[in-house]
Amino acid sequence: MNLNNILSIVQVVLAALLVASILLQARGTGLGSSFGGEGNVYRTKRGVEKRLFQATIVLAILFFGVSLANALV
């Protein structure tokens, strides 16, 4: 296998993990307050929710880096 195939496989795996981490995050945190949801303006993330948020950021950065490397190779 050459480098292009390896980067493509890593990119697909990272994309699947990124989609899963986004879908696992709490629902109703965006525009929910404008449509009758909770009125909290600021809420701190704790525990698993904070780790999932950090993992999503890391996965997004890794996905961007692998995609850029795949485009340049």
Protein backbone atom coordinates (compact mmCIF):
# COMPACT_ATOMS: atom_id res chain seq x y z
CA MET A 1 0.00 0.00 0.00
CA ASN A 2 1.22 3.43 -0.81
CA LEU A 3 0.91 6.60 1.26
CA ASN A 4 -2.13 7.85 -0.65
CA ASN A 5 -4.15 4.73 0.22
CA ILE A 6 -3.16 4.90 3.88
CA LEU A 7 -4.13 8.58 4.12
CA SER A 8 -7.47 7.86 2.45
CA ILE A 9 -8.26 5.07 4.91
CA VAL A 10 -7.27 7.25 7.87
CA GLN A 11 -9.41 10.08 6.48
CA VAL A 12 -12.49 7.84 6.23
CA VAL A 13 -12.00 6.51 9.77
CA LEU A 14 -11.55 10.04 11.15
CA ALA A 15 -14.65 11.21 9.27
CA ALA A 16 -16.74 8.42 10.80
CA LEU A 17 -15.42 9.16 14.30
CA LEU A 18 -16.03 12.89 13.83
CA VAL A 19 -19.63 12.33 12.72
CA ALA A 20 -20.23 9.98 15.67
CA SER A 21 -18.78 12.44 18.18
CA ILE A 22 -20.92 15.29 16.80
CA LEU A 23 -24.08 13.19 16.92
CA LEU A 24 -23.39 12.04 20.49
CA GLN A 25 -23.30 15.59 21.82
CA ALA A 26 -26.31 16.97 23.68
CA ARG A 27 -29.24 18.05 21.57
CA GLY A 28 -31.08 21.33 22.01
CA THR A 29 -28.05 23.40 22.95
CA GLY A 30 -28.09 25.66 19.92
CA LEU A 31 -31.21 27.60 18.98
CA GLY A 32 -33.40 25.68 21.39
CA SER A 33 -33.88 28.63 23.70
CA SER A 34 -35.43 30.73 20.95
CA PHE A 35 -38.05 28.03 20.29
CA GLY A 36 -39.13 27.47 23.88
CA GLY A 37 -36.26 25.38 25.18
CA GLU A 38 -34.21 26.13 28.26
CA GLY A 39 -33.41 29.78 28.77
CA ASN A 40 -29.88 29.28 30.05
CA VAL A 41 -27.50 31.51 28.14
CA TYR A 42 -24.31 29.96 29.50
CA ARG A 43 -23.86 26.45 30.78
CA THR A 44 -20.56 24.81 31.66
CA LYS A 45 -19.70 21.42 30.27
CA ARG A 46 -18.78 18.79 32.84
CA GLY A 47 -17.55 15.23 32.86
CA VAL A 48 -18.18 13.14 29.79
CA GLU A 49 -19.77 16.04 27.91
CA LYS A 50 -16.57 18.08 28.28
CA ARG A 51 -14.35 15.17 27.16
CA LEU A 52 -16.60 14.52 24.16
CA PHE A 53 -16.43 18.20 23.21
CA GLN A 54 -12.62 18.17 23.45
CA ALA A 55 -12.45 14.91 21.47
CA THR A 56 -14.59 16.48 18.74
CA ILE A 57 -12.18 19.40 18.46
CA VAL A 58 -9.16 17.07 18.30
CA LEU A 59 -10.83 14.87 15.69
CA ALA A 60 -11.71 17.91 13.57
CA ILE A 61 -8.11 19.16 13.66
CA LEU A 62 -6.77 15.70 12.80
CA PHE A 63 -9.28 15.33 9.98
CA PHE A 64 -8.26 18.72 8.54
CA GLY A 65 -4.57 17.81 8.77
CA VAL A 66 -5.01 14.41 7.11
CA SER A 67 -7.20 15.91 4.40
CA LEU A 68 -4.60 18.57 3.68
CA ALA A 69 -1.82 15.97 3.60
CA ASN A 70 -3.91 13.77 1.30
CA ALA A 71 -4.47 16.67 -1.08
CA LEU A 72 -0.77 17.51 -1.22
CA VAL A 73 0.43 13.93 -1.79
